[in-house]
Amino acid sequence: MNPILRRILCGAILMAVFLGGVIAGQNKFGQPKSIIHVVTVEWTAASTPEQRQKALDGVKQMAAEIPGMKNVWLKTIKVQGPNTEKTENNAAFVMEFADQAAFDAYAAHPAHKKWESIYLPIREQSRTHDISN
């Protein structure tokens, strides 16, 4: 093979490998159309750890019963904002809904009403944030 052609071919191969590495190394992310419902809650001072856990377990139960609930996040890592100095009284959880119709149906669903009977008596205050793309 011609030495010049060999150099061109080797250069092209090296360039292809380099570009392949650049493409493979790029961070990949999506922008789903689902809706996430982010809740931060301050529990009442009188609530017990068992009551709080029962409320969080109720989120999982709702996800099993309400059509269109896709995922839940229940482990609080950090809560920021007013009244967060009492960290043992603060929590956060997230519910993901497949679409707007599932999110709209959630509020009136019997499983949600049942969960509220456990959650509302031990909730001092909460803030919700509903987010989508």
Protein backbone atom coordinates (compact mmCIF):
# COMPACT_ATOMS: atom_id res chain seq x y z
CA MET A 1 0.00 0.00 0.00
CA ASN A 2 1.15 3.49 -0.84
CA PRO A 3 2.76 5.12 2.29
CA ILE A 4 0.79 8.36 1.81
CA LEU A 5 -2.49 6.46 1.44
CA ARG A 6 -1.61 4.41 4.56
CA ARG A 7 -1.04 7.64 6.56
CA ILE A 8 -4.33 9.10 5.36
CA LEU A 9 -6.16 5.87 6.23
CA CYS A 10 -4.53 5.71 9.70
CA GLY A 11 -5.37 9.38 10.30
CA ALA A 12 -9.00 8.77 9.31
CA ILE A 13 -9.23 5.76 11.63
CA LEU A 14 -7.73 7.71 14.53
CA MET A 15 -10.12 10.59 13.89
CA ALA A 16 -13.10 8.20 13.83
CA VAL A 17 -12.00 6.61 17.12
CA PHE A 18 -11.54 10.06 18.69
CA LEU A 19 -14.96 11.29 17.54
CA GLY A 20 -16.55 8.05 18.71
CA GLY A 21 -15.07 8.62 22.16
CA VAL A 22 -16.32 12.21 22.25
CA ILE A 23 -19.84 11.13 21.30
CA ALA A 24 -19.85 8.22 23.79
CA GLY A 25 -18.60 10.51 26.56
CA GLN A 26 -21.38 13.08 26.19
CA ASN A 27 -23.91 13.18 29.02
CA LYS A 28 -27.29 11.93 27.88
CA PHE A 29 -30.50 13.21 29.42
CA GLY A 30 -34.17 13.29 28.62
CA GLN A 31 -37.05 15.68 29.06
CA PRO A 32 -40.00 13.43 29.86
CA LYS A 33 -43.57 14.67 29.51
CA SER A 34 -44.60 13.05 32.79
CA ILE A 35 -45.54 15.24 35.77
CA ILE A 36 -43.68 15.14 39.04
CA HIS A 37 -45.44 16.21 42.23
CA VAL A 38 -42.83 17.30 44.79
CA VAL A 39 -44.02 17.67 48.38
CA THR A 40 -42.10 19.05 51.34
CA VAL A 41 -43.81 18.51 54.66
CA GLU A 42 -43.34 19.62 58.23
CA TRP A 43 -44.84 17.05 60.55
CA THR A 44 -46.70 18.11 63.69
CA ALA A 45 -44.62 18.08 66.86
CA ALA A 46 -47.02 15.53 68.34
CA SER A 47 -46.67 13.07 65.45
CA THR A 48 -44.69 9.90 66.06
CA PRO A 49 -42.06 8.33 63.81
CA GLU A 50 -44.48 5.42 63.28
CA GLN A 51 -47.25 7.76 62.09
CA ARG A 52 -44.85 9.52 59.74
CA GLN A 53 -43.68 6.20 58.30
CA LYS A 54 -47.28 5.09 57.85
CA ALA A 55 -47.97 8.25 55.84
CA LEU A 56 -44.94 7.63 53.62
CA ASP A 57 -45.90 3.98 53.19
CA GLY A 58 -49.31 5.27 52.13
CA VAL A 59 -47.67 7.01 49.16
CA LYS A 60 -46.45 3.60 47.96
CA GLN A 61 -49.93 2.16 48.47
CA MET A 62 -51.44 4.96 46.37
CA ALA A 63 -48.94 4.25 43.61
CA ALA A 64 -50.13 0.64 43.56
CA GLU A 65 -53.79 1.67 43.32
CA ILE A 66 -53.97 4.86 41.26
CA PRO A 67 -53.65 4.40 37.49
CA GLY A 68 -50.96 6.55 35.94
CA MET A 69 -48.74 6.88 39.02
CA LYS A 70 -45.38 5.74 37.67
CA ASN A 71 -42.78 6.26 40.39
CA VAL A 72 -42.38 7.53 43.94
CA TRP A 73 -39.39 8.82 45.88
CA LEU A 74 -39.67 8.56 49.66
CA LYS A 75 -36.21 8.94 51.17
CA THR A 76 -35.60 12.49 52.34
CA ILE A 77 -32.03 13.60 51.76
CA LYS A 78 -32.37 17.30 52.58
CA VAL A 79 -35.19 19.82 53.03
CA GLN A 80 -34.47 23.53 52.71
CA GLY A 81 -36.64 26.50 53.56
CA PRO A 82 -38.46 27.95 56.55
CA ASN A 83 -38.64 25.85 59.71
CA THR A 84 -35.98 23.38 58.55
CA GLU A 85 -33.93 23.72 61.71
CA LYS A 86 -36.16 20.99 63.16
CA THR A 87 -34.91 18.43 60.65
CA GLU A 88 -36.57 15.48 62.38
CA ASN A 89 -39.92 17.17 61.72
CA ASN A 90 -39.30 17.66 57.99
CA ALA A 91 -39.60 15.32 55.05
CA ALA A 92 -39.99 15.35 51.30
CA PHE A 93 -41.49 12.91 48.83
CA VAL A 94 -42.19 12.84 45.12
CA MET A 95 -44.82 11.20 42.94
CA GLU A 96 -44.51 10.86 39.17
CA PHE A 97 -47.61 10.76 37.00
CA ALA A 98 -47.70 9.48 33.43
CA ASP A 99 -49.54 12.54 32.11
CA GLN A 100 -51.86 15.43 32.97
CA ALA A 101 -54.95 13.19 32.99
CA ALA A 102 -53.38 10.85 35.58
CA PHE A 103 -52.32 13.82 37.69
CA ASP A 104 -55.82 15.34 37.53
CA ALA A 105 -57.49 12.03 38.45
CA TYR A 106 -55.23 11.49 41.47
CA ALA A 107 -56.82 14.18 43.68
CA ALA A 108 -60.31 12.63 43.59
CA HIS A 109 -59.22 8.98 43.66
CA PRO A 110 -60.50 6.99 46.70
CA ALA A 111 -56.94 5.81 47.51
CA HIS A 112 -55.86 9.45 47.78
CA LYS A 113 -58.78 10.27 50.06
CA LYS A 114 -57.91 7.27 52.27
CA TRP A 115 -54.26 8.36 52.44
CA GLU A 116 -55.26 11.91 53.39
CA SER A 117 -57.03 10.53 56.47
CA ILE A 118 -53.62 9.29 57.68
CA TYR A 119 -51.48 12.16 56.37
CA LEU A 120 -53.43 15.34 57.12
CA PRO A 121 -53.76 14.88 60.91
CA ILE A 122 -49.96 14.72 61.30
CA ARG A 123 -49.04 17.38 58.74
CA GLU A 124 -48.25 20.76 60.26
CA GLN A 125 -47.76 22.31 56.83
CA SER A 126 -46.63 21.32 53.35
CA ARG A 127 -45.61 22.85 50.06
CA THR A 128 -46.13 21.23 46.71
CA HIS A 129 -44.43 21.83 43.39
CA ASP A 130 -45.78 20.27 40.17
CA ILE A 131 -43.28 20.10 37.33
CA SER A 132 -43.23 18.85 33.73
CA ASN A 133 -41.70 19.59 30.32
